[in-house]
Amino acid sequence: MSKHKPPKKKVVVTTQKKSSETEKKSPRKKAAVPRRKGKSSDAKNTIQEDVMIFGKQNYMWMLIGLGLVALGLLLMTGGAQAPDEWNTQELYGFRRTVLAPLVILAGMGVEVYAIFK
């Protein structure tokens, strides 16, 4: 059987000294300190900075990838055909079966590059 050990106490160290004399002389409102979400008691004295995950270059690459995907989808669309006519050259041509999927895959590759950059 294992023995149950009591949890260790957490110690919070603050850098500001509070004195009752200064509070009596100049009553001021306390500044709001942003807090992290969490259950830890040391989260009271930490400040969370907002950091953007993606930069300007990442968004530029994402737009380029989105443009390539849209271009591939446009290459896959075709002209109108008459209901009584079946044009296999237009339907199964190089542009729709090879070029358009390659452009879409290239766009997806650029999106992956933009995310990992």
Protein backbone atom coordinates (compact mmCIF):
# COMPACT_ATOMS: atom_id res chain seq x y z
CA MET A 1 0.00 0.00 0.00
CA SER A 2 1.23 3.46 -0.76
CA LYS A 3 1.21 6.18 1.82
CA HIS A 4 -0.76 9.30 1.10
CA LYS A 5 1.43 12.40 1.05
CA PRO A 6 -0.14 15.76 1.79
CA PRO A 7 0.01 18.22 -1.16
CA LYS A 8 2.75 20.82 -1.08
CA LYS A 9 1.74 24.35 -0.28
CA LYS A 10 2.19 26.95 -2.98
CA VAL A 11 3.96 30.15 -2.02
CA VAL A 12 3.05 33.38 -3.82
CA VAL A 13 5.67 36.12 -3.74
CA THR A 14 4.60 39.67 -4.55
CA THR A 15 6.93 42.51 -5.41
CA GLN A 16 4.78 45.35 -4.13
CA LYS A 17 4.90 46.34 -0.49
CA LYS A 18 1.68 47.50 1.06
CA SER A 19 1.82 49.92 3.92
CA SER A 20 -1.20 51.14 5.78
CA GLU A 21 0.26 54.69 6.06
CA THR A 22 0.43 55.28 2.30
CA GLU A 23 -3.07 53.96 1.80
CA LYS A 24 -4.42 56.34 4.43
CA LYS A 25 -2.67 59.39 2.98
CA SER A 26 -3.63 58.95 -0.69
CA PRO A 27 -6.62 56.77 -1.34
CA ARG A 28 -6.26 55.46 -4.89
CA LYS A 29 -8.13 52.92 -6.89
CA LYS A 30 -6.26 49.73 -7.59
CA ALA A 31 -5.36 49.10 -11.21
CA ALA A 32 -7.03 46.14 -12.82
CA VAL A 33 -4.58 43.33 -13.43
CA PRO A 34 -5.42 40.95 -16.28
CA ARG A 35 -5.63 37.41 -15.03
CA ARG A 36 -5.16 34.08 -16.67
CA LYS A 37 -7.99 31.65 -16.57
CA GLY A 38 -7.14 28.80 -14.30
CA LYS A 39 -7.51 27.39 -10.84
CA SER A 40 -3.97 28.01 -9.70
CA SER A 41 -3.47 30.43 -6.83
CA ASP A 42 -0.34 31.90 -8.45
CA ALA A 43 -2.42 33.04 -11.43
CA LYS A 44 -3.45 36.13 -9.50
CA ASN A 45 -0.12 37.87 -10.00
CA THR A 46 0.62 36.88 -13.59
CA ILE A 47 -0.12 39.00 -16.62
CA GLN A 48 -1.04 37.38 -19.90
CA GLU A 49 0.13 39.13 -23.04
CA ASP A 50 -1.87 38.90 -26.26
CA VAL A 51 0.41 37.48 -28.90
CA MET A 52 -0.69 36.98 -32.48
CA ILE A 53 -0.05 33.45 -33.68
CA PHE A 54 0.20 34.39 -37.34
CA GLY A 55 1.98 37.39 -38.78
CA LYS A 56 1.44 39.42 -41.93
CA GLN A 57 3.45 36.97 -44.05
CA ASN A 58 1.38 34.01 -42.88
CA TYR A 59 -1.85 35.73 -43.90
CA MET A 60 -0.32 36.67 -47.26
CA TRP A 61 0.58 33.01 -47.93
CA MET A 62 -2.90 31.94 -46.81
CA LEU A 63 -4.50 34.31 -49.31
CA ILE A 64 -2.22 33.03 -52.08
CA GLY A 65 -3.21 29.44 -51.23
CA LEU A 66 -6.89 30.38 -51.15
CA GLY A 67 -6.50 32.05 -54.55
CA LEU A 68 -4.88 28.91 -55.99
CA VAL A 69 -7.71 26.72 -54.67
CA ALA A 70 -10.29 29.11 -56.16
CA LEU A 71 -8.41 29.15 -59.49
CA GLY A 72 -8.38 25.35 -59.53
CA LEU A 73 -12.11 25.25 -58.93
CA LEU A 74 -12.67 27.75 -61.73
CA LEU A 75 -10.52 25.65 -64.07
CA MET A 76 -12.66 22.63 -63.21
CA THR A 77 -15.90 24.36 -64.23
CA GLY A 78 -16.88 24.22 -67.84
CA GLY A 79 -19.06 25.67 -70.50
CA ALA A 80 -22.70 24.93 -71.01
CA GLN A 81 -23.58 21.90 -73.12
CA ALA A 82 -26.78 21.16 -74.93
CA PRO A 83 -28.77 18.35 -73.29
CA ASP A 84 -28.71 16.25 -76.45
CA GLU A 85 -24.96 16.69 -77.06
CA TRP A 86 -22.13 14.83 -75.25
CA ASN A 87 -18.69 16.34 -75.82
CA THR A 88 -16.08 14.02 -74.27
CA GLN A 89 -13.16 16.22 -75.33
CA GLU A 90 -14.49 19.11 -73.28
CA LEU A 91 -15.67 17.02 -70.35
CA TYR A 92 -12.61 14.79 -69.95
CA GLY A 93 -10.00 17.23 -71.20
CA PHE A 94 -6.56 17.93 -69.73
CA ARG A 95 -7.68 21.14 -68.02
CA ARG A 96 -10.44 19.52 -65.94
CA THR A 97 -8.87 16.16 -65.13
CA VAL A 98 -5.19 17.04 -64.63
CA LEU A 99 -4.49 20.77 -64.41
CA ALA A 100 -7.34 21.82 -62.09
CA PRO A 101 -6.68 19.14 -59.42
CA LEU A 102 -2.95 19.93 -59.49
CA VAL A 103 -3.65 23.63 -58.96
CA ILE A 104 -6.00 22.81 -56.06
CA LEU A 105 -3.37 20.54 -54.47
CA ALA A 106 -0.75 23.26 -54.92
CA GLY A 107 -3.10 25.67 -53.13
CA MET A 108 -3.52 23.22 -50.27
CA GLY A 109 0.26 22.84 -50.08
CA VAL A 110 0.67 26.61 -49.85
CA GLU A 111 -1.94 26.66 -47.06
CA VAL A 112 0.02 24.05 -45.10
CA TYR A 113 3.21 26.06 -45.64
CA ALA A 114 1.46 29.22 -44.42
CA ILE A 115 0.29 27.50 -41.25
CA PHE A 116 3.67 25.96 -40.37
CA LYS A 117 5.75 29.02 -41.28
